[in-house]
Amino acid sequence: MKYNKKYKFNEFWFDGMIPQWDHLFSALKEKDAFNPVDILEIGSYEGRATVWLCENVLNDTSIKYNYDIIDTFGGSEEGQGMRKTKARLKNNENSIEENFKHNISFFKHINFNIHKGYSQKILPTFGDEEKYDFIYVDASHRSDDTLVDGYFAHKLLKKGGVIIFDDFGWKHPDNDHLVYSPETGISTFFGFYEGLYRILFKGYQVGAQKQP
C-alpha cells in the first residue's frame, strides 16, 4: 500500500496485514454495525497501523474519537532488521517518537493521548473499566509481556469489542525458547478466557471479539 508522502515512515511491517484488517473491519461494520470510538494501541512504533485506522475506520469527522497510545518509542532490540532500522534512524537524526507525532498530527478530529513508557507499568493505572471498543496489542516480542498486556486489555475491552494481537507468527531469529516469541503468551491468553472470545482470524496475527 502506498501512503501519502506527507507521512514519515522508515518501516512498513504493517502493510502485509492491511488486506486482513480491511476485510475484518468492513465485515464487522456490515454485520454488527461495529464503529469503534474508543481505541487503545499498546505499541505503535511510527504509527503505520494508527494511520491506517484513522484513514479507513476512524474517518467520520463528526465523531470525536478517543485514542490512547502506549509506547516507549525506543523500538525493539530483536533481530538484524531492527538493528539496521535503529542505525538508519540514528543516521537520519530522526526519532521514532517524532515520526509518530508527525503522522498523527493530520487527524484533528481524533483525541490522541500518548502514554510514554512500558505497558506493564502504564496499563495498571488505567483501572478496570470496560471502556475500549478496539485494542491492538503490539508492544513486545516476549510471550510473558504479551500475556500481561492481554490480561489488562481484557479488563479494559468492552463486550462486543475487538482485540488484535500482532506477531503470533513471529519467531526470534536467535533464540527458540518459548518466552522469546509471542505465540505462547497469546495462546495462553485465549486458554484463560476460553468461551469469552470469538476468534475472527488467526495467522501472523490473531483477532477476536469479546462475547456479551
N, C-alpha and C. Protein backbone atom coordinates (compact mmCIF):
# COMPACT_ATOMS: atom_id res chain seq x y z
N MET A 1 0.84 -1.20 0.00
CA MET A 1 0.00 0.00 0.00
C MET A 1 0.87 1.24 0.00
N LYS A 2 0.50 2.23 -0.81
CA LYS A 2 1.24 3.48 -0.85
C LYS A 2 0.55 4.52 0.04
N TYR A 3 1.33 5.13 0.91
CA TYR A 3 0.82 6.16 1.77
C TYR A 3 1.17 7.53 1.20
N ASN A 4 0.39 8.52 1.59
CA ASN A 4 0.67 9.89 1.21
C ASN A 4 2.07 10.27 1.68
N LYS A 5 2.80 10.98 0.84
CA LYS A 5 4.18 11.35 1.16
C LYS A 5 4.30 12.32 2.32
N LYS A 6 3.16 12.82 2.80
CA LYS A 6 3.21 13.72 3.97
C LYS A 6 3.59 12.96 5.24
N TYR A 7 3.37 11.65 5.23
CA TYR A 7 3.71 10.84 6.40
C TYR A 7 5.20 10.49 6.39
N LYS A 8 5.72 10.21 7.59
CA LYS A 8 7.12 9.84 7.75
C LYS A 8 7.21 8.42 8.30
N PHE A 9 7.64 7.49 7.45
CA PHE A 9 7.80 6.10 7.85
C PHE A 9 9.17 5.60 7.41
N ASN A 10 9.81 4.84 8.27
CA ASN A 10 11.05 4.15 7.92
C ASN A 10 10.82 2.67 7.67
N GLU A 11 9.73 2.13 8.26
CA GLU A 11 9.45 0.71 8.12
C GLU A 11 8.00 0.50 7.71
N PHE A 12 7.72 -0.65 7.10
CA PHE A 12 6.42 -0.92 6.52
C PHE A 12 5.91 -2.30 6.92
N TRP A 13 6.22 -2.71 8.14
CA TRP A 13 5.86 -4.05 8.60
C TRP A 13 4.35 -4.29 8.57
N PHE A 14 3.57 -3.28 8.86
CA PHE A 14 2.12 -3.44 8.98
C PHE A 14 1.45 -3.71 7.64
N ASP A 15 2.07 -3.31 6.56
CA ASP A 15 1.39 -3.32 5.26
C ASP A 15 0.86 -4.69 4.86
N GLY A 16 1.55 -5.74 5.27
CA GLY A 16 1.09 -7.08 4.93
C GLY A 16 -0.23 -7.45 5.57
N MET A 17 -0.61 -6.75 6.65
CA MET A 17 -1.86 -7.05 7.35
C MET A 17 -3.03 -6.21 6.85
N ILE A 18 -2.78 -5.26 5.97
CA ILE A 18 -3.85 -4.35 5.54
C ILE A 18 -5.03 -5.09 4.90
N PRO A 19 -4.82 -6.05 3.99
CA PRO A 19 -5.98 -6.76 3.43
C PRO A 19 -6.83 -7.45 4.51
N GLN A 20 -6.17 -8.05 5.52
CA GLN A 20 -6.90 -8.71 6.59
C GLN A 20 -7.70 -7.71 7.41
N TRP A 21 -7.08 -6.59 7.76
CA TRP A 21 -7.77 -5.57 8.55
C TRP A 21 -8.91 -4.95 7.75
N ASP A 22 -8.68 -4.70 6.49
CA ASP A 22 -9.72 -4.11 5.65
C ASP A 22 -10.94 -5.03 5.58
N HIS A 23 -10.69 -6.31 5.37
CA HIS A 23 -11.78 -7.28 5.33
C HIS A 23 -12.48 -7.37 6.68
N LEU A 24 -11.71 -7.41 7.76
CA LEU A 24 -12.28 -7.56 9.10
C LEU A 24 -13.19 -6.39 9.46
N PHE A 25 -12.68 -5.18 9.36
CA PHE A 25 -13.46 -4.02 9.78
C PHE A 25 -14.66 -3.80 8.87
N SER A 26 -14.53 -4.11 7.59
CA SER A 26 -15.67 -3.99 6.68
C SER A 26 -16.76 -4.99 7.06
N ALA A 27 -16.35 -6.23 7.35
CA ALA A 27 -17.32 -7.27 7.71
C ALA A 27 -18.00 -6.96 9.04
N LEU A 28 -17.23 -6.49 10.01
CA LEU A 28 -17.81 -6.17 11.33
C LEU A 28 -18.79 -5.00 11.23
N LYS A 29 -18.45 -4.03 10.42
CA LYS A 29 -19.35 -2.88 10.26
C LYS A 29 -20.66 -3.31 9.60
N GLU A 30 -20.56 -4.17 8.60
CA GLU A 30 -21.75 -4.62 7.88
C GLU A 30 -22.61 -5.53 8.75
N LYS A 31 -21.96 -6.44 9.47
CA LYS A 31 -22.71 -7.44 10.24
C LYS A 31 -23.17 -6.91 11.59
N ASP A 32 -22.28 -6.25 12.31
CA ASP A 32 -22.56 -5.84 13.69
C ASP A 32 -22.68 -4.33 13.88
N ALA A 33 -22.62 -3.59 12.77
CA ALA A 33 -22.61 -2.12 12.86
C ALA A 33 -21.49 -1.66 13.80
N PHE A 34 -20.34 -2.32 13.68
CA PHE A 34 -19.21 -2.04 14.56
C PHE A 34 -18.50 -0.77 14.11
N ASN A 35 -18.59 0.26 14.95
CA ASN A 35 -17.95 1.54 14.68
C ASN A 35 -17.17 1.98 15.93
N PRO A 36 -15.92 1.56 16.04
CA PRO A 36 -15.14 1.87 17.25
C PRO A 36 -14.92 3.37 17.43
N VAL A 37 -15.07 3.80 18.66
CA VAL A 37 -14.87 5.21 19.01
C VAL A 37 -13.72 5.36 20.00
N ASP A 38 -13.61 4.42 20.92
CA ASP A 38 -12.56 4.45 21.94
C ASP A 38 -11.55 3.35 21.64
N ILE A 39 -10.31 3.76 21.40
CA ILE A 39 -9.27 2.84 20.91
C ILE A 39 -8.06 2.87 21.83
N LEU A 40 -7.45 1.71 22.02
CA LEU A 40 -6.19 1.60 22.75
C LEU A 40 -5.19 0.84 21.89
N GLU A 41 -4.04 1.45 21.67
CA GLU A 41 -2.97 0.80 20.92
C GLU A 41 -1.77 0.63 21.84
N ILE A 42 -1.42 -0.62 22.11
CA ILE A 42 -0.32 -0.94 23.01
C ILE A 42 0.89 -1.28 22.13
N GLY A 43 1.71 -0.29 21.87
CA GLY A 43 2.82 -0.42 20.96
C GLY A 43 2.45 0.14 19.60
N SER A 44 3.05 1.26 19.23
CA SER A 44 2.64 1.93 17.99
C SER A 44 3.77 2.15 17.00
N TYR A 45 5.02 2.16 17.47
CA TYR A 45 6.19 2.47 16.66
C TYR A 45 5.96 3.81 15.95
N GLU A 46 6.05 3.87 14.63
CA GLU A 46 5.89 5.15 13.93
C GLU A 46 4.43 5.46 13.57
N GLY A 47 3.52 4.53 13.90
CA GLY A 47 2.12 4.79 13.66
C GLY A 47 1.59 4.32 12.32
N ARG A 48 2.20 3.28 11.78
CA ARG A 48 1.73 2.77 10.49
C ARG A 48 0.30 2.23 10.61
N ALA A 49 0.04 1.39 11.62
CA ALA A 49 -1.31 0.88 11.85
C ALA A 49 -2.24 2.01 12.28
N THR A 50 -1.72 2.93 13.07
CA THR A 50 -2.52 4.06 13.55
C THR A 50 -3.07 4.87 12.39
N VAL A 51 -2.20 5.21 11.46
CA VAL A 51 -2.61 5.99 10.30
C VAL A 51 -3.66 5.25 9.48
N TRP A 52 -3.45 3.95 9.29
CA TRP A 52 -4.44 3.18 8.51
C TRP A 52 -5.80 3.22 9.19
N LEU A 53 -5.83 3.03 10.50
CA LEU A 53 -7.10 3.08 11.23
C LEU A 53 -7.76 4.45 11.09
N CYS A 54 -6.96 5.49 11.24
CA CYS A 54 -7.51 6.85 11.18
C CYS A 54 -8.08 7.16 9.80
N GLU A 55 -7.43 6.68 8.76
CA GLU A 55 -7.87 6.96 7.40
C GLU A 55 -9.05 6.09 6.97
N ASN A 56 -9.11 4.86 7.47
CA ASN A 56 -10.06 3.90 6.93
C ASN A 56 -11.19 3.49 7.87
N VAL A 57 -11.01 3.69 9.16
CA VAL A 57 -12.04 3.29 10.13
C VAL A 57 -12.53 4.47 10.95
N LEU A 58 -11.61 5.30 11.41
CA LEU A 58 -11.98 6.44 12.27
C LEU A 58 -12.06 7.71 11.42
N ASN A 59 -12.78 7.64 10.34
CA ASN A 59 -12.74 8.71 9.34
C ASN A 59 -14.00 9.56 9.29
N ASP A 60 -14.88 9.41 10.27
CA ASP A 60 -16.07 10.27 10.35
C ASP A 60 -15.71 11.50 11.18
N THR A 61 -15.49 12.61 10.52
CA THR A 61 -15.01 13.81 11.22
C THR A 61 -16.06 14.42 12.14
N SER A 62 -17.29 13.93 12.10
CA SER A 62 -18.32 14.43 13.02
C SER A 62 -18.24 13.74 14.37
N ILE A 63 -17.44 12.67 14.46
CA ILE A 63 -17.29 11.92 15.71
C ILE A 63 -15.99 12.33 16.39
N LYS A 64 -16.03 12.47 17.70
CA LYS A 64 -14.82 12.75 18.47
C LYS A 64 -14.28 11.44 19.01
N TYR A 65 -13.31 10.90 18.32
CA TYR A 65 -12.71 9.63 18.73
C TYR A 65 -11.70 9.86 19.85
N ASN A 66 -11.57 8.87 20.70
CA ASN A 66 -10.55 8.88 21.76
C ASN A 66 -9.57 7.74 21.49
N TYR A 67 -8.29 8.09 21.43
CA TYR A 67 -7.28 7.12 21.00
C TYR A 67 -6.10 7.18 21.97
N ASP A 68 -5.96 6.15 22.80
CA ASP A 68 -4.85 6.07 23.75
C ASP A 68 -3.71 5.26 23.15
N ILE A 69 -2.51 5.76 23.31
CA ILE A 69 -1.30 5.13 22.78
C ILE A 69 -0.32 4.86 23.92
N ILE A 70 0.21 3.64 23.97
CA ILE A 70 1.28 3.32 24.93
C ILE A 70 2.49 2.85 24.14
N ASP A 71 3.63 3.48 24.35
CA ASP A 71 4.86 3.06 23.67
C ASP A 71 6.05 3.70 24.36
N THR A 72 7.17 2.99 24.36
CA THR A 72 8.41 3.58 24.86
C THR A 72 9.07 4.45 23.79
N PHE A 73 8.71 4.19 22.53
CA PHE A 73 9.31 4.83 21.36
C PHE A 73 10.82 4.55 21.28
N GLY A 74 11.20 3.41 21.86
CA GLY A 74 12.59 3.00 21.80
C GLY A 74 12.86 1.90 20.80
N GLY A 75 11.78 1.42 20.13
CA GLY A 75 11.96 0.34 19.18
C GLY A 75 12.19 -0.98 19.87
N SER A 76 12.64 -1.95 19.10
CA SER A 76 12.90 -3.30 19.61
C SER A 76 14.35 -3.67 19.33
N GLU A 77 14.88 -4.53 20.17
CA GLU A 77 16.27 -4.94 20.01
C GLU A 77 16.42 -6.23 19.21
N GLU A 78 15.32 -6.92 18.93
CA GLU A 78 15.44 -8.26 18.36
C GLU A 78 15.71 -8.22 16.86
N GLY A 79 16.73 -8.96 16.47
CA GLY A 79 16.91 -9.24 15.06
C GLY A 79 17.76 -8.23 14.31
N GLN A 80 18.37 -8.70 13.26
CA GLN A 80 19.24 -7.87 12.45
C GLN A 80 18.47 -6.73 11.80
N GLY A 81 17.23 -7.02 11.36
CA GLY A 81 16.43 -5.98 10.72
C GLY A 81 16.20 -4.79 11.62
N MET A 82 15.92 -5.05 12.90
CA MET A 82 15.68 -3.95 13.82
C MET A 82 16.96 -3.17 14.10
N ARG A 83 18.10 -3.86 14.14
CA ARG A 83 19.36 -3.16 14.36
C ARG A 83 19.67 -2.22 13.20
N LYS A 84 19.36 -2.68 12.00
CA LYS A 84 19.56 -1.82 10.84
C LYS A 84 18.65 -0.61 10.90
N THR A 85 17.42 -0.83 11.34
CA THR A 85 16.48 0.28 11.47
C THR A 85 16.98 1.31 12.45
N LYS A 86 17.48 0.85 13.60
CA LYS A 86 17.99 1.78 14.60
C LYS A 86 19.15 2.60 14.06
N ALA A 87 20.03 1.95 13.33
CA ALA A 87 21.16 2.67 12.74
C ALA A 87 20.68 3.71 11.74
N ARG A 88 19.69 3.34 10.93
CA ARG A 88 19.18 4.27 9.94
C ARG A 88 18.51 5.47 10.60
N LEU A 89 17.74 5.22 11.65
CA LEU A 89 17.08 6.31 12.37
C LEU A 89 18.11 7.25 12.98
N LYS A 90 19.17 6.68 13.55
CA LYS A 90 20.22 7.49 14.15
C LYS A 90 20.92 8.33 13.10
N ASN A 91 21.24 7.71 11.97
CA ASN A 91 21.93 8.42 10.91
C ASN A 91 21.08 9.53 10.30
N ASN A 92 19.77 9.33 10.30
CA ASN A 92 18.87 10.33 9.73
C ASN A 92 18.50 11.41 10.73
N GLU A 93 19.01 11.28 11.96
CA GLU A 93 18.66 12.24 13.01
C GLU A 93 17.14 12.33 13.17
N ASN A 94 16.48 11.19 13.07
CA ASN A 94 15.02 11.19 13.07
C ASN A 94 14.52 10.12 14.02
N SER A 95 13.76 10.50 15.03
CA SER A 95 13.37 9.54 16.05
C SER A 95 12.01 8.92 15.73
N ILE A 96 11.79 7.76 16.31
CA ILE A 96 10.50 7.07 16.18
C ILE A 96 9.38 7.94 16.73
N GLU A 97 9.60 8.53 17.89
CA GLU A 97 8.56 9.34 18.52
C GLU A 97 8.21 10.57 17.68
N GLU A 98 9.21 11.22 17.13
CA GLU A 98 8.96 12.39 16.29
C GLU A 98 8.15 12.01 15.06
N ASN A 99 8.50 10.89 14.45
CA ASN A 99 7.74 10.43 13.29
C ASN A 99 6.29 10.14 13.66
N PHE A 100 6.10 9.48 14.80
CA PHE A 100 4.75 9.14 15.22
C PHE A 100 3.91 10.40 15.43
N LYS A 101 4.45 11.35 16.16
CA LYS A 101 3.70 12.57 16.44
C LYS A 101 3.39 13.34 15.15
N HIS A 102 4.34 13.35 14.24
CA HIS A 102 4.09 13.98 12.94
C HIS A 102 2.95 13.28 12.21
N ASN A 103 2.96 11.96 12.20
CA ASN A 103 1.98 11.20 11.43
C ASN A 103 0.56 11.34 11.95
N ILE A 104 0.39 11.47 13.26
CA ILE A 104 -0.96 11.61 13.80
C ILE A 104 -1.44 13.05 13.80
N SER A 105 -0.57 13.99 13.49
CA SER A 105 -0.92 15.41 13.55
C SER A 105 -1.96 15.80 12.50
N PHE A 106 -2.19 14.95 11.52
CA PHE A 106 -3.11 15.28 10.44
C PHE A 106 -4.56 14.93 10.77
N PHE A 107 -4.79 14.33 11.94
CA PHE A 107 -6.14 13.87 12.28
C PHE A 107 -6.67 14.69 13.46
N LYS A 108 -7.14 15.87 13.15
CA LYS A 108 -7.56 16.82 14.18
C LYS A 108 -8.83 16.38 14.90
N HIS A 109 -9.63 15.52 14.28
CA HIS A 109 -10.88 15.10 14.89
C HIS A 109 -10.69 13.96 15.89
N ILE A 110 -9.44 13.52 16.06
CA ILE A 110 -9.16 12.41 16.97
C ILE A 110 -8.39 12.92 18.18
N ASN A 111 -8.87 12.56 19.35
CA ASN A 111 -8.22 12.96 20.60
C ASN A 111 -7.18 11.90 20.98
N PHE A 112 -5.92 12.18 20.66
CA PHE A 112 -4.83 11.26 20.98
C PHE A 112 -4.28 11.55 22.37
N ASN A 113 -4.07 10.49 23.12
CA ASN A 113 -3.41 10.59 24.42
C ASN A 113 -2.21 9.65 24.41
N ILE A 114 -1.01 10.22 24.43
CA ILE A 114 0.21 9.42 24.36
C ILE A 114 0.73 9.17 25.77
N HIS A 115 0.92 7.90 26.09
CA HIS A 115 1.46 7.48 27.38
C HIS A 115 2.82 6.85 27.10
N LYS A 116 3.88 7.57 27.37
CA LYS A 116 5.21 7.10 27.03
C LYS A 116 5.79 6.26 28.17
N GLY A 117 6.13 5.03 27.86
CA GLY A 117 6.70 4.15 28.87
C GLY A 117 6.35 2.71 28.57
N TYR A 118 6.63 1.84 29.53
CA TYR A 118 6.39 0.41 29.36
C TYR A 118 4.93 0.09 29.70
N SER A 119 4.33 -0.73 28.87
CA SER A 119 2.91 -1.05 29.03
C SER A 119 2.62 -1.71 30.37
N GLN A 120 3.54 -2.56 30.87
CA GLN A 120 3.28 -3.25 32.14
C GLN A 120 3.21 -2.29 33.32
N LYS A 121 3.80 -1.10 33.17
CA LYS A 121 3.73 -0.09 34.23
C LYS A 121 2.54 0.85 34.03
N ILE A 122 2.19 1.10 32.79
CA ILE A 122 1.14 2.08 32.50
C ILE A 122 -0.25 1.47 32.55
N LEU A 123 -0.42 0.27 32.02
CA LEU A 123 -1.75 -0.33 31.96
C LEU A 123 -2.43 -0.48 33.32
N PRO A 124 -1.71 -0.85 34.40
CA PRO A 124 -2.39 -0.95 35.69
C PRO A 124 -2.99 0.37 36.18
N THR A 125 -2.51 1.50 35.66
CA THR A 125 -3.05 2.79 36.08
C THR A 125 -4.35 3.14 35.36
N PHE A 126 -4.74 2.32 34.38
CA PHE A 126 -5.96 2.61 33.60
C PHE A 126 -7.23 2.13 34.30
N GLY A 127 -7.09 1.41 35.41
CA GLY A 127 -8.26 0.87 36.09
C GLY A 127 -8.76 -0.38 35.40
N ASP A 128 -10.01 -0.76 35.67
CA ASP A 128 -10.56 -1.98 35.07
C ASP A 128 -11.92 -1.75 34.42
N GLU A 129 -12.22 -0.51 34.07
CA GLU A 129 -13.46 -0.19 33.38
C GLU A 129 -13.40 -0.68 31.94
N GLU A 130 -14.44 -1.33 31.50
CA GLU A 130 -14.51 -1.78 30.10
C GLU A 130 -14.87 -0.58 29.23
N LYS A 131 -13.84 0.08 28.68
CA LYS A 131 -14.09 1.36 28.01
C LYS A 131 -13.61 1.43 26.56
N TYR A 132 -12.93 0.40 26.07
CA TYR A 132 -12.40 0.47 24.71
C TYR A 132 -13.19 -0.45 23.77
N ASP A 133 -13.42 0.05 22.56
CA ASP A 133 -14.09 -0.73 21.53
C ASP A 133 -13.09 -1.59 20.76
N PHE A 134 -11.86 -1.10 20.65
CA PHE A 134 -10.83 -1.81 19.91
C PHE A 134 -9.49 -1.66 20.61
N ILE A 135 -8.77 -2.77 20.76
CA ILE A 135 -7.44 -2.76 21.36
C ILE A 135 -6.49 -3.53 20.45
N TYR A 136 -5.36 -2.90 20.18
CA TYR A 136 -4.32 -3.53 19.36
C TYR A 136 -3.10 -3.75 20.24
N VAL A 137 -2.64 -5.00 20.36
CA VAL A 137 -1.53 -5.36 21.24
C VAL A 137 -0.31 -5.66 20.39
N ASP A 138 0.70 -4.79 20.49
CA ASP A 138 1.90 -4.94 19.64
C ASP A 138 3.11 -4.30 20.32
N ALA A 139 3.26 -4.57 21.63
CA ALA A 139 4.29 -3.86 22.38
C ALA A 139 5.57 -4.65 22.58
N SER A 140 5.49 -5.98 22.56
CA SER A 140 6.65 -6.78 22.92
C SER A 140 6.67 -8.07 22.11
N HIS A 141 7.87 -8.61 21.91
CA HIS A 141 8.02 -9.90 21.26
C HIS A 141 8.20 -11.04 22.27
N ARG A 142 8.04 -10.76 23.54
CA ARG A 142 8.14 -11.79 24.57
C ARG A 142 6.75 -12.32 24.90
N SER A 143 6.65 -13.62 25.13
CA SER A 143 5.34 -14.21 25.41
C SER A 143 4.81 -13.76 26.78
N ASP A 144 5.69 -13.60 27.77
CA ASP A 144 5.20 -13.20 29.09
C ASP A 144 4.69 -11.76 29.07
N ASP A 145 5.41 -10.88 28.40
CA ASP A 145 4.95 -9.49 28.27
C ASP A 145 3.61 -9.43 27.54
N THR A 146 3.49 -10.21 26.47
CA THR A 146 2.26 -10.19 25.68
C THR A 146 1.08 -10.71 26.48
N LEU A 147 1.30 -11.72 27.30
CA LEU A 147 0.24 -12.24 28.15
C LEU A 147 -0.21 -11.19 29.16
N VAL A 148 0.74 -10.48 29.76
CA VAL A 148 0.39 -9.43 30.72
C VAL A 148 -0.39 -8.30 30.03
N ASP A 149 0.07 -7.90 28.86
CA ASP A 149 -0.66 -6.86 28.11
C ASP A 149 -2.08 -7.34 27.80
N GLY A 150 -2.21 -8.61 27.42
CA GLY A 150 -3.52 -9.16 27.12
C GLY A 150 -4.42 -9.19 28.34
N TYR A 151 -3.85 -9.52 29.50
CA TYR A 151 -4.63 -9.56 30.75
C TYR A 151 -5.27 -8.21 31.03
N PHE A 152 -4.48 -7.15 30.95
CA PHE A 152 -5.03 -5.82 31.21
C PHE A 152 -5.98 -5.39 30.09
N ALA A 153 -5.65 -5.76 28.85
CA ALA A 153 -6.53 -5.42 27.73
C ALA A 153 -7.90 -6.06 27.91
N HIS A 154 -7.93 -7.29 28.40
CA HIS A 154 -9.20 -7.98 28.63
C HIS A 154 -10.08 -7.20 29.59
N LYS A 155 -9.48 -6.67 30.64
CA LYS A 155 -10.25 -5.90 31.61
C LYS A 155 -10.79 -4.61 31.02
N LEU A 156 -10.08 -4.06 30.05
CA LEU A 156 -10.42 -2.74 29.50
C LEU A 156 -11.31 -2.80 28.27
N LEU A 157 -11.45 -3.98 27.66
CA LEU A 157 -12.19 -4.11 26.42
C LEU A 157 -13.69 -4.30 26.70
N LYS A 158 -14.50 -3.53 25.98
CA LYS A 158 -15.95 -3.65 26.11
C LYS A 158 -16.43 -4.99 25.56
N LYS A 159 -17.54 -5.46 26.05
CA LYS A 159 -18.18 -6.63 25.46
C LYS A 159 -18.62 -6.27 24.04
N GLY A 160 -18.29 -7.11 23.11
CA GLY A 160 -18.53 -6.81 21.70
C GLY A 160 -17.35 -6.13 21.05
N GLY A 161 -16.37 -5.73 21.88
CA GLY A 161 -15.17 -5.08 21.38
C GLY A 161 -14.23 -6.08 20.73
N VAL A 162 -13.27 -5.55 19.99
CA VAL A 162 -12.35 -6.39 19.22
C VAL A 162 -10.92 -6.17 19.70
N ILE A 163 -10.18 -7.25 19.81
CA ILE A 163 -8.76 -7.19 20.16
C ILE A 163 -7.96 -7.90 19.07
N ILE A 164 -6.83 -7.31 18.70
CA ILE A 164 -5.91 -7.94 17.76
C ILE A 164 -4.54 -8.03 18.39
N PHE A 165 -3.96 -9.21 18.39
CA PHE A 165 -2.59 -9.42 18.84
C PHE A 165 -1.70 -9.52 17.61
N ASP A 166 -0.65 -8.73 17.58
CA ASP A 166 0.32 -8.82 16.50
C ASP A 166 1.35 -9.92 16.82
N ASP A 167 2.07 -10.36 15.79
CA ASP A 167 3.26 -11.20 15.93
C ASP A 167 3.01 -12.61 16.46
N PHE A 168 1.79 -13.11 16.30
CA PHE A 168 1.53 -14.50 16.70
C PHE A 168 2.44 -15.46 15.93
N GLY A 169 2.77 -15.11 14.71
CA GLY A 169 3.62 -15.96 13.88
C GLY A 169 5.08 -15.58 13.87
N TRP A 170 5.47 -14.63 14.72
CA TRP A 170 6.86 -14.17 14.73
C TRP A 170 7.73 -15.08 15.58
N LYS A 171 8.94 -15.36 15.10
CA LYS A 171 9.89 -16.16 15.86
C LYS A 171 11.20 -15.38 16.02
N HIS A 172 11.79 -15.48 17.19
CA HIS A 172 13.07 -14.81 17.43
C HIS A 172 14.13 -15.42 16.52
N PRO A 173 14.89 -14.60 15.83
CA PRO A 173 15.87 -15.15 14.89
C PRO A 173 17.07 -15.83 15.56
N ASP A 174 17.28 -15.54 16.85
CA ASP A 174 18.48 -16.04 17.52
C ASP A 174 18.21 -16.93 18.73
N ASN A 175 16.93 -17.07 19.13
CA ASN A 175 16.63 -17.82 20.35
C ASN A 175 15.26 -18.49 20.18
N ASP A 176 15.23 -19.83 20.28
CA ASP A 176 13.98 -20.55 20.06
C ASP A 176 13.24 -20.88 21.35
N HIS A 177 13.67 -20.31 22.49
CA HIS A 177 12.95 -20.51 23.74
C HIS A 177 11.55 -19.90 23.62
N LEU A 178 10.55 -20.57 24.19
CA LEU A 178 9.16 -20.15 24.04
C LEU A 178 8.91 -18.72 24.52
N VAL A 179 9.67 -18.28 25.52
CA VAL A 179 9.41 -16.95 26.07
C VAL A 179 9.80 -15.84 25.10
N TYR A 180 10.61 -16.17 24.10
CA TYR A 180 11.11 -15.13 23.20
C TYR A 180 10.29 -14.97 21.92
N SER A 181 9.09 -15.52 21.90
CA SER A 181 8.15 -15.22 20.81
C SER A 181 6.75 -15.11 21.42
N PRO A 182 5.88 -14.30 20.86
CA PRO A 182 4.58 -14.02 21.49
C PRO A 182 3.57 -15.16 21.43
N GLU A 183 3.79 -16.16 20.60
CA GLU A 183 2.76 -17.18 20.37
C GLU A 183 2.26 -17.83 21.65
N THR A 184 3.17 -18.23 22.53
CA THR A 184 2.76 -18.91 23.76
C THR A 184 1.92 -18.01 24.64
N GLY A 185 2.31 -16.75 24.75
CA GLY A 185 1.55 -15.80 25.56
C GLY A 185 0.16 -15.57 25.01
N ILE A 186 0.03 -15.46 23.69
CA ILE A 186 -1.27 -15.24 23.07
C ILE A 186 -2.16 -16.47 23.21
N SER A 187 -1.59 -17.64 22.98
CA SER A 187 -2.35 -18.88 23.13
C SER A 187 -2.81 -19.07 24.56
N THR A 188 -1.95 -18.73 25.52
CA THR A 188 -2.31 -18.83 26.93
C THR A 188 -3.45 -17.89 27.27
N PHE A 189 -3.40 -16.68 26.71
CA PHE A 189 -4.48 -15.70 26.93
C PHE A 189 -5.82 -16.29 26.52
N PHE A 190 -5.89 -16.85 25.33
CA PHE A 190 -7.17 -17.39 24.86
C PHE A 190 -7.53 -18.67 25.60
N GLY A 191 -6.54 -19.36 26.16
CA GLY A 191 -6.84 -20.50 27.01
C GLY A 191 -7.49 -20.06 28.32
N PHE A 192 -6.96 -19.00 28.91
CA PHE A 192 -7.53 -18.45 30.15
C PHE A 192 -8.98 -18.03 29.94
N TYR A 193 -9.24 -17.38 28.83
CA TYR A 193 -10.55 -16.77 28.59
C TYR A 193 -11.36 -17.56 27.56
N GLU A 194 -11.18 -18.85 27.56
CA GLU A 194 -11.90 -19.72 26.63
C GLU A 194 -13.41 -19.51 26.77
N GLY A 195 -14.07 -19.33 25.64
CA GLY A 195 -15.52 -19.11 25.65
C GLY A 195 -15.91 -17.65 25.76
N LEU A 196 -14.96 -16.81 26.13
CA LEU A 196 -15.25 -15.38 26.27
C LEU A 196 -14.90 -14.59 25.02
N TYR A 197 -14.24 -15.26 24.06
CA TYR A 197 -13.86 -14.59 22.81
C TYR A 197 -14.23 -15.46 21.62
N ARG A 198 -14.64 -14.79 20.56
CA ARG A 198 -14.86 -15.45 19.27
C ARG A 198 -13.69 -15.11 18.36
N ILE A 199 -12.93 -16.11 17.97
CA ILE A 199 -11.78 -15.87 17.10
C ILE A 199 -12.28 -15.42 15.72
N LEU A 200 -11.79 -14.30 15.26
CA LEU A 200 -12.19 -13.73 13.98
C LEU A 200 -11.24 -14.13 12.86
N PHE A 201 -9.96 -14.24 13.20
CA PHE A 201 -8.97 -14.72 12.25
C PHE A 201 -7.72 -15.11 13.01
N LYS A 202 -6.94 -16.00 12.42
CA LYS A 202 -5.68 -16.42 13.04
C LYS A 202 -4.68 -16.70 11.93
N GLY A 203 -3.54 -16.05 12.02
CA GLY A 203 -2.46 -16.23 11.07
C GLY A 203 -1.22 -15.64 11.68
N TYR A 204 -0.61 -14.69 11.00
CA TYR A 204 0.51 -14.00 11.62
C TYR A 204 0.01 -13.18 12.82
N GLN A 205 -1.21 -12.68 12.74
CA GLN A 205 -1.89 -12.02 13.85
C GLN A 205 -3.09 -12.86 14.26
N VAL A 206 -3.65 -12.51 15.43
CA VAL A 206 -4.90 -13.13 15.87
C VAL A 206 -5.87 -12.02 16.25
N GLY A 207 -7.06 -12.08 15.70
CA GLY A 207 -8.11 -11.14 16.04
C GLY A 207 -9.29 -11.86 16.67
N ALA A 208 -9.92 -11.23 17.67
CA ALA A 208 -11.02 -11.87 18.36
C ALA A 208 -11.99 -10.81 18.87
N GLN A 209 -13.24 -11.23 19.07
CA GLN A 209 -14.28 -10.35 19.58
C GLN A 209 -14.74 -10.84 20.95
N LYS A 210 -14.78 -9.93 21.89
CA LYS A 210 -15.21 -10.27 23.25
C LYS A 210 -16.72 -10.50 23.26
N GLN A 211 -17.13 -11.62 23.80
CA GLN A 211 -18.54 -12.00 23.75
C GLN A 211 -19.35 -11.31 24.86
N PRO A 212 -20.65 -11.09 24.62
CA PRO A 212 -21.52 -10.46 25.63
C PRO A 212 -21.63 -11.30 26.89
